[in-house]
Amino acid sequence: MTDRESSPTDKALRERLTELCVHIPCGDLRGPLQKRSRFYPESRVRWQSCQDEDAPEKWDNKDVSRQFELCIVCFRATAGGTSRWSWLACQECRAINESLGQRWGFRPFALGRHSIMNGIAVQGGSSPEVQAAQMERLIEFGKGDHDLRDWRRREYTRLASKFGPLADVPLKTWQHEWTPGKEASQDAFARLLGD
């Protein structure tokens, strides 16, 4: 999408935001992914849209038109990427999820964007019973994780309540208020699993 195709509202937004921000109403990150340089003022700045824009930017040759997301567990660090093989959780939260999986015999949450990243697939050559069970698990993965959706509603809302309800908060301001790291991830998992 080019600026000529953007709505007046989207154009004004793209002029107003000068860095990647948390859009408080939806929880997505949006804004320019690089700043214009005085040496290359004409260089194309890649814009990351959120779901609330009139015409969200679509990136050519990318599975996903978003480079960064807030981690789906701690909502403090970033995760994501433009590939279907990207993680939806930060490195610290993935490490905790993996550690719990080793202790419990299964990972509590599917934190990869693609089912195969989470060990969910239908294996050829397996018995019909095994394939049916694998297919059922794949279908459940496709529906999304109900527990993580509920967690997002509660946790993101709690963190976002520090800011104005319609604000675009620079990511660095968000992370100054809600510092990412091992302690934040441990706290998030403790409260998520304790609920």
C-alpha atoms as a PDB file:
ATOM      1  CA  MET A   1       0.000   0.000   0.000  1.00  0.00           C
ATOM      2  CA  THR A   2       1.258   3.483  -0.794  1.00  0.00           C
ATOM      3  CA  ASP A   3       0.504   6.755   0.944  1.00  0.00           C
ATOM      4  CA  ARG A   4      -1.772   7.688  -1.993  1.00  0.00           C
ATOM      5  CA  GLU A   5      -4.072   4.807  -1.013  1.00  0.00           C
ATOM      6  CA  SER A   6      -4.146   5.691   2.686  1.00  0.00           C
ATOM      7  CA  SER A   7      -7.172   7.351   4.215  1.00  0.00           C
ATOM      8  CA  PRO A   8      -6.777  10.908   5.550  1.00  0.00           C
ATOM      9  CA  THR A   9      -6.941   9.477   9.086  1.00  0.00           C
ATOM     10  CA  ASP A  10      -4.167   6.956   8.368  1.00  0.00           C
ATOM     11  CA  LYS A  11      -2.041   9.655   6.698  1.00  0.00           C
ATOM     12  CA  ALA A  12      -2.400  11.930   9.732  1.00  0.00           C
ATOM     13  CA  LEU A  13      -1.492   9.043  12.029  1.00  0.00           C
ATOM     14  CA  ARG A  14       1.649   8.288  10.012  1.00  0.00           C
ATOM     15  CA  GLU A  15       2.724  11.895  10.220  1.00  0.00           C
ATOM     16  CA  ARG A  16       2.039  12.077  13.963  1.00  0.00           C
ATOM     17  CA  LEU A  17       3.794   8.889  15.129  1.00  0.00           C
ATOM     18  CA  THR A  18       7.560   9.072  14.897  1.00  0.00           C
ATOM     19  CA  GLU A  19       8.405   5.783  16.618  1.00  0.00           C
ATOM     20  CA  LEU A  20       6.925   2.367  17.285  1.00  0.00           C
ATOM     21  CA  CYS A  21       4.092   2.683  19.818  1.00  0.00           C
ATOM     22  CA  VAL A  22       1.667   0.519  21.769  1.00  0.00           C
ATOM     23  CA  HIS A  23      -1.806   1.441  20.550  1.00  0.00           C
ATOM     24  CA  ILE A  24      -3.680   1.230  23.853  1.00  0.00           C
ATOM     25  CA  PRO A  25      -7.171   0.459  22.460  1.00  0.00           C
ATOM     26  CA  CYS A  26      -6.043  -2.733  20.659  1.00  0.00           C
ATOM     27  CA  GLY A  27      -2.683  -3.598  22.231  1.00  0.00           C
ATOM     28  CA  ASP A  28      -0.861  -3.849  18.897  1.00  0.00           C
ATOM     29  CA  LEU A  29       2.422  -2.106  18.125  1.00  0.00           C
ATOM     30  CA  ARG A  30       2.217   0.414  15.315  1.00  0.00           C
ATOM     31  CA  GLY A  31       4.425   3.091  13.839  1.00  0.00           C
ATOM     32  CA  PRO A  32       7.516   3.510  11.698  1.00  0.00           C
ATOM     33  CA  LEU A  33      10.135   0.792  12.055  1.00  0.00           C
ATOM     34  CA  GLN A  34      12.979   3.092  11.131  1.00  0.00           C
ATOM     35  CA  LYS A  35      13.389   6.809  11.323  1.00  0.00           C
ATOM     36  CA  ARG A  36      14.031   8.935   8.300  1.00  0.00           C
ATOM     37  CA  SER A  37      17.662   9.830   8.084  1.00  0.00           C
ATOM     38  CA  ARG A  38      18.908  13.294   7.269  1.00  0.00           C
ATOM     39  CA  PHE A  39      21.316  11.522   4.907  1.00  0.00           C
ATOM     40  CA  TYR A  40      18.508   9.587   3.180  1.00  0.00           C
ATOM     41  CA  PRO A  41      15.342  11.679   3.664  1.00  0.00           C
ATOM     42  CA  GLU A  42      13.657  10.034   0.682  1.00  0.00           C
ATOM     43  CA  SER A  43      14.207   6.495   1.958  1.00  0.00           C
ATOM     44  CA  ARG A  44      11.037   4.480   2.395  1.00  0.00           C
ATOM     45  CA  VAL A  45      10.153   4.086   6.036  1.00  0.00           C
ATOM     46  CA  ARG A  46       8.389   0.777   6.632  1.00  0.00           C
ATOM     47  CA  TRP A  47       5.166   1.315   8.554  1.00  0.00           C
ATOM     48  CA  GLN A  48       3.771  -1.311  10.907  1.00  0.00           C
ATOM     49  CA  SER A  49      -0.002  -1.036  11.145  1.00  0.00           C
ATOM     50  CA  CYS A  50      -2.421  -2.091  13.813  1.00  0.00           C
ATOM     51  CA  GLN A  51      -5.871  -3.571  13.354  1.00  0.00           C
ATOM     52  CA  ASP A  52      -7.585  -0.250  14.120  1.00  0.00           C
ATOM     53  CA  GLU A  53      -6.236   1.599  11.083  1.00  0.00           C
ATOM     54  CA  ASP A  54      -8.570   2.216   8.163  1.00  0.00           C
ATOM     55  CA  ALA A  55      -6.327   0.378   5.695  1.00  0.00           C
ATOM     56  CA  PRO A  56      -3.563  -1.540   7.493  1.00  0.00           C
ATOM     57  CA  GLU A  57      -0.272  -1.717   5.604  1.00  0.00           C
ATOM     58  CA  LYS A  58       0.374  -5.039   3.809  1.00  0.00           C
ATOM     59  CA  TRP A  59       3.993  -5.984   3.145  1.00  0.00           C
ATOM     60  CA  ASP A  60       4.922  -7.740  -0.079  1.00  0.00           C
ATOM     61  CA  ASN A  61       6.503 -11.189   0.170  1.00  0.00           C
ATOM     62  CA  LYS A  62       5.936 -11.494   3.932  1.00  0.00           C
ATOM     63  CA  ASP A  63       3.753 -14.010   5.768  1.00  0.00           C
ATOM     64  CA  VAL A  64       2.837 -11.362   8.340  1.00  0.00           C
ATOM     65  CA  SER A  65       2.945  -7.578   7.895  1.00  0.00           C
ATOM     66  CA  ARG A  66       4.301  -6.990  11.401  1.00  0.00           C
ATOM     67  CA  GLN A  67       7.894  -7.089  12.636  1.00  0.00           C
ATOM     68  CA  PHE A  68       7.198  -6.748  16.365  1.00  0.00           C
ATOM     69  CA  GLU A  69       4.448  -7.704  18.804  1.00  0.00           C
ATOM     70  CA  LEU A  70       4.195  -7.484  22.555  1.00  0.00           C
ATOM     71  CA  CYS A  71       4.956 -10.895  24.065  1.00  0.00           C
ATOM     72  CA  ILE A  72       1.684 -12.815  24.517  1.00  0.00           C
ATOM     73  CA  VAL A  73       2.627 -13.817  28.057  1.00  0.00           C
ATOM     74  CA  CYS A  74       4.397 -10.900  29.779  1.00  0.00           C
ATOM     75  CA  PHE A  75       3.267  -8.027  27.457  1.00  0.00           C
ATOM     76  CA  ARG A  76       6.533  -6.255  28.256  1.00  0.00           C
ATOM     77  CA  ALA A  77       9.171  -7.621  25.894  1.00  0.00           C
ATOM     78  CA  THR A  78       8.737  -7.928  22.152  1.00  0.00           C
ATOM     79  CA  ALA A  79       8.429 -11.003  19.983  1.00  0.00           C
ATOM     80  CA  GLY A  80       7.162 -11.642  16.485  1.00  0.00           C
ATOM     81  CA  GLY A  81       8.580 -11.281  13.030  1.00  0.00           C
ATOM     82  CA  THR A  82       7.339 -11.380   9.480  1.00  0.00           C
ATOM     83  CA  SER A  83       7.528 -15.160   9.081  1.00  0.00           C
ATOM     84  CA  ARG A  84       4.968 -17.832   9.913  1.00  0.00           C
ATOM     85  CA  TRP A  85       7.909 -19.367  11.838  1.00  0.00           C
ATOM     86  CA  SER A  86       8.086 -16.503  14.340  1.00  0.00           C
ATOM     87  CA  TRP A  87       7.569 -16.733  18.073  1.00  0.00           C
ATOM     88  CA  LEU A  88       4.666 -14.960  19.762  1.00  0.00           C
ATOM     89  CA  ALA A  89       6.433 -14.843  23.124  1.00  0.00           C
ATOM     90  CA  CYS A  90       9.733 -13.321  24.182  1.00  0.00           C
ATOM     91  CA  GLN A  91      12.829 -15.408  24.828  1.00  0.00           C
ATOM     92  CA  GLU A  92      12.371 -15.298  28.625  1.00  0.00           C
ATOM     93  CA  CYS A  93       8.757 -16.501  28.476  1.00  0.00           C
ATOM     94  CA  ARG A  94       9.643 -19.221  25.962  1.00  0.00           C
ATOM     95  CA  ALA A  95      12.409 -20.454  28.286  1.00  0.00           C
ATOM     96  CA  ILE A  96       9.973 -20.697  31.212  1.00  0.00           C
ATOM     97  CA  ASN A  97       7.386 -22.453  29.035  1.00  0.00           C
ATOM     98  CA  GLU A  98      10.038 -24.952  27.886  1.00  0.00           C
ATOM     99  CA  SER A  99      11.284 -25.540  31.430  1.00  0.00           C
ATOM    100  CA  LEU A 100       7.754 -26.211  32.638  1.00  0.00           C
ATOM    101  CA  GLY A 101       7.260 -28.536  29.679  1.00  0.00           C
ATOM    102  CA  GLN A 102      10.292 -30.579  30.643  1.00  0.00           C
ATOM    103  CA  ARG A 103       9.059 -30.922  34.222  1.00  0.00           C
ATOM    104  CA  TRP A 104       5.419 -31.603  33.378  1.00  0.00           C
ATOM    105  CA  GLY A 105       5.909 -33.691  30.235  1.00  0.00           C
ATOM    106  CA  PHE A 106       4.086 -31.147  28.023  1.00  0.00           C
ATOM    107  CA  ARG A 107       4.481 -27.452  27.254  1.00  0.00           C
ATOM    108  CA  PRO A 108       1.717 -25.449  28.913  1.00  0.00           C
ATOM    109  CA  PHE A 109       1.324 -23.036  26.003  1.00  0.00           C
ATOM    110  CA  ALA A 110       1.833 -23.069  22.232  1.00  0.00           C
ATOM    111  CA  LEU A 111       3.983 -19.953  21.811  1.00  0.00           C
ATOM    112  CA  GLY A 112       5.014 -20.412  18.164  1.00  0.00           C
ATOM    113  CA  ARG A 113       3.021 -18.906  15.336  1.00  0.00           C
ATOM    114  CA  HIS A 114       3.113 -22.183  13.331  1.00  0.00           C
ATOM    115  CA  SER A 115       1.788 -25.463  14.744  1.00  0.00           C
ATOM    116  CA  ILE A 116       5.005 -27.350  13.955  1.00  0.00           C
ATOM    117  CA  MET A 117       6.962 -24.952  16.208  1.00  0.00           C
ATOM    118  CA  ASN A 118       4.789 -26.223  19.043  1.00  0.00           C
ATOM    119  CA  GLY A 119       5.192 -29.915  18.209  1.00  0.00           C
ATOM    120  CA  ILE A 120       1.690 -30.082  16.724  1.00  0.00           C
ATOM    121  CA  ALA A 121       1.444 -31.925  13.405  1.00  0.00           C
ATOM    122  CA  VAL A 122      -0.154 -34.903  11.712  1.00  0.00           C
ATOM    123  CA  GLN A 123       2.504 -37.508  10.975  1.00  0.00           C
ATOM    124  CA  GLY A 124       2.147 -39.700   7.921  1.00  0.00           C
ATOM    125  CA  GLY A 125       2.642 -43.403   8.507  1.00  0.00           C
ATOM    126  CA  SER A 126       1.033 -43.293  11.945  1.00  0.00           C
ATOM    127  CA  SER A 127      -1.959 -45.440  12.786  1.00  0.00           C
ATOM    128  CA  PRO A 128      -5.404 -43.990  11.997  1.00  0.00           C
ATOM    129  CA  GLU A 129      -6.057 -43.590  15.729  1.00  0.00           C
ATOM    130  CA  VAL A 130      -2.831 -41.634  16.264  1.00  0.00           C
ATOM    131  CA  GLN A 131      -3.508 -39.480  13.198  1.00  0.00           C
ATOM    132  CA  ALA A 132      -7.041 -38.756  14.423  1.00  0.00           C
ATOM    133  CA  ALA A 133      -5.671 -37.622  17.800  1.00  0.00           C
ATOM    134  CA  GLN A 134      -3.033 -35.495  16.072  1.00  0.00           C
ATOM    135  CA  MET A 135      -5.675 -33.963  13.801  1.00  0.00           C
ATOM    136  CA  GLU A 136      -7.833 -33.122  16.804  1.00  0.00           C
ATOM    137  CA  ARG A 137      -4.862 -31.405  18.462  1.00  0.00           C
ATOM    138  CA  LEU A 138      -4.135 -29.467  15.243  1.00  0.00           C
ATOM    139  CA  ILE A 139      -7.756 -28.315  15.025  1.00  0.00           C
ATOM    140  CA  GLU A 140      -7.614 -27.153  18.649  1.00  0.00           C
ATOM    141  CA  PHE A 141      -4.403 -25.226  17.907  1.00  0.00           C
ATOM    142  CA  GLY A 142      -6.149 -23.542  14.963  1.00  0.00           C
ATOM    143  CA  LYS A 143      -8.893 -22.279  17.264  1.00  0.00           C
ATOM    144  CA  GLY A 144      -6.342 -20.502  19.448  1.00  0.00           C
ATOM    145  CA  ASP A 145      -5.605 -20.848  23.133  1.00  0.00           C
ATOM    146  CA  HIS A 146      -8.629 -19.872  25.213  1.00  0.00           C
ATOM    147  CA  ASP A 147      -6.480 -19.460  28.356  1.00  0.00           C
ATOM    148  CA  LEU A 148      -4.074 -17.075  26.601  1.00  0.00           C
ATOM    149  CA  ARG A 149      -6.974 -15.036  25.162  1.00  0.00           C
ATOM    150  CA  ASP A 150      -8.459 -14.663  28.649  1.00  0.00           C
ATOM    151  CA  TRP A 151      -5.026 -13.834  30.036  1.00  0.00           C
ATOM    152  CA  ARG A 152      -4.561 -11.119  27.395  1.00  0.00           C
ATOM    153  CA  ARG A 153      -7.863  -9.512  28.329  1.00  0.00           C
ATOM    154  CA  ARG A 154      -6.879  -9.386  31.998  1.00  0.00           C
ATOM    155  CA  GLU A 155      -3.119  -8.731  31.875  1.00  0.00           C
ATOM    156  CA  TYR A 156      -2.925  -6.336  28.948  1.00  0.00           C
ATOM    157  CA  THR A 157      -5.854  -4.368  30.375  1.00  0.00           C
ATOM    158  CA  ARG A 158      -4.093  -4.161  33.744  1.00  0.00           C
ATOM    159  CA  LEU A 159      -0.855  -2.872  32.217  1.00  0.00           C
ATOM    160  CA  ALA A 160      -2.571  -0.516  29.759  1.00  0.00           C
ATOM    161  CA  SER A 161      -4.631   1.113  32.529  1.00  0.00           C
ATOM    162  CA  LYS A 162      -1.541   3.235  33.393  1.00  0.00           C
ATOM    163  CA  PHE A 163      -2.040   5.163  30.157  1.00  0.00           C
ATOM    164  CA  GLY A 164      -4.831   7.067  28.435  1.00  0.00           C
ATOM    165  CA  PRO A 165      -7.459   4.779  26.877  1.00  0.00           C
ATOM    166  CA  LEU A 166      -6.909   6.123  23.343  1.00  0.00           C
ATOM    167  CA  ALA A 167      -3.151   6.764  23.541  1.00  0.00           C
ATOM    168  CA  ASP A 168      -0.305   5.637  21.347  1.00  0.00           C
ATOM    169  CA  VAL A 169       2.448   5.031  23.918  1.00  0.00           C
ATOM    170  CA  PRO A 170       6.015   4.829  22.600  1.00  0.00           C
ATOM    171  CA  LEU A 171       7.329   1.309  23.123  1.00  0.00           C
ATOM    172  CA  LYS A 172      10.301   2.631  25.098  1.00  0.00           C
ATOM    173  CA  THR A 173       7.910   4.484  27.457  1.00  0.00           C
ATOM    174  CA  TRP A 174       5.801   1.327  27.866  1.00  0.00           C
ATOM    175  CA  GLN A 175       8.934  -0.697  28.649  1.00  0.00           C
ATOM    176  CA  HIS A 176      10.172   1.959  31.063  1.00  0.00           C
ATOM    177  CA  GLU A 177       6.922   1.579  33.005  1.00  0.00           C
ATOM    178  CA  TRP A 178       6.730  -2.205  32.488  1.00  0.00           C
ATOM    179  CA  THR A 179      10.318  -3.432  32.363  1.00  0.00           C
ATOM    180  CA  PRO A 180      10.817  -6.666  30.433  1.00  0.00           C
ATOM    181  CA  GLY A 181      13.128  -9.404  31.663  1.00  0.00           C
ATOM    182  CA  LYS A 182      13.342 -12.649  33.557  1.00  0.00           C
ATOM    183  CA  GLU A 183      11.547 -11.330  36.662  1.00  0.00           C
ATOM    184  CA  ALA A 184       8.673  -9.936  34.576  1.00  0.00           C
ATOM    185  CA  SER A 185       8.294 -13.259  32.770  1.00  0.00           C
ATOM    186  CA  GLN A 186       8.388 -15.244  36.027  1.00  0.00           C
ATOM    187  CA  ASP A 187       5.767 -12.939  37.524  1.00  0.00           C
ATOM    188  CA  ALA A 188       3.530 -13.254  34.459  1.00  0.00           C
ATOM    189  CA  PHE A 189       3.729 -17.059  34.436  1.00  0.00           C
ATOM    190  CA  ALA A 190       3.092 -17.273  38.178  1.00  0.00           C
ATOM    191  CA  ARG A 191      -0.074 -15.191  37.855  1.00  0.00           C
ATOM    192  CA  LEU A 192      -1.178 -16.826  34.592  1.00  0.00           C
ATOM    193  CA  LEU A 193      -0.842 -20.348  36.006  1.00  0.00           C
ATOM    194  CA  GLY A 194      -2.174 -19.299  39.402  1.00  0.00           C
ATOM    195  CA  ASP A 195      -5.419 -18.091  37.823  1.00  0.00           C
END
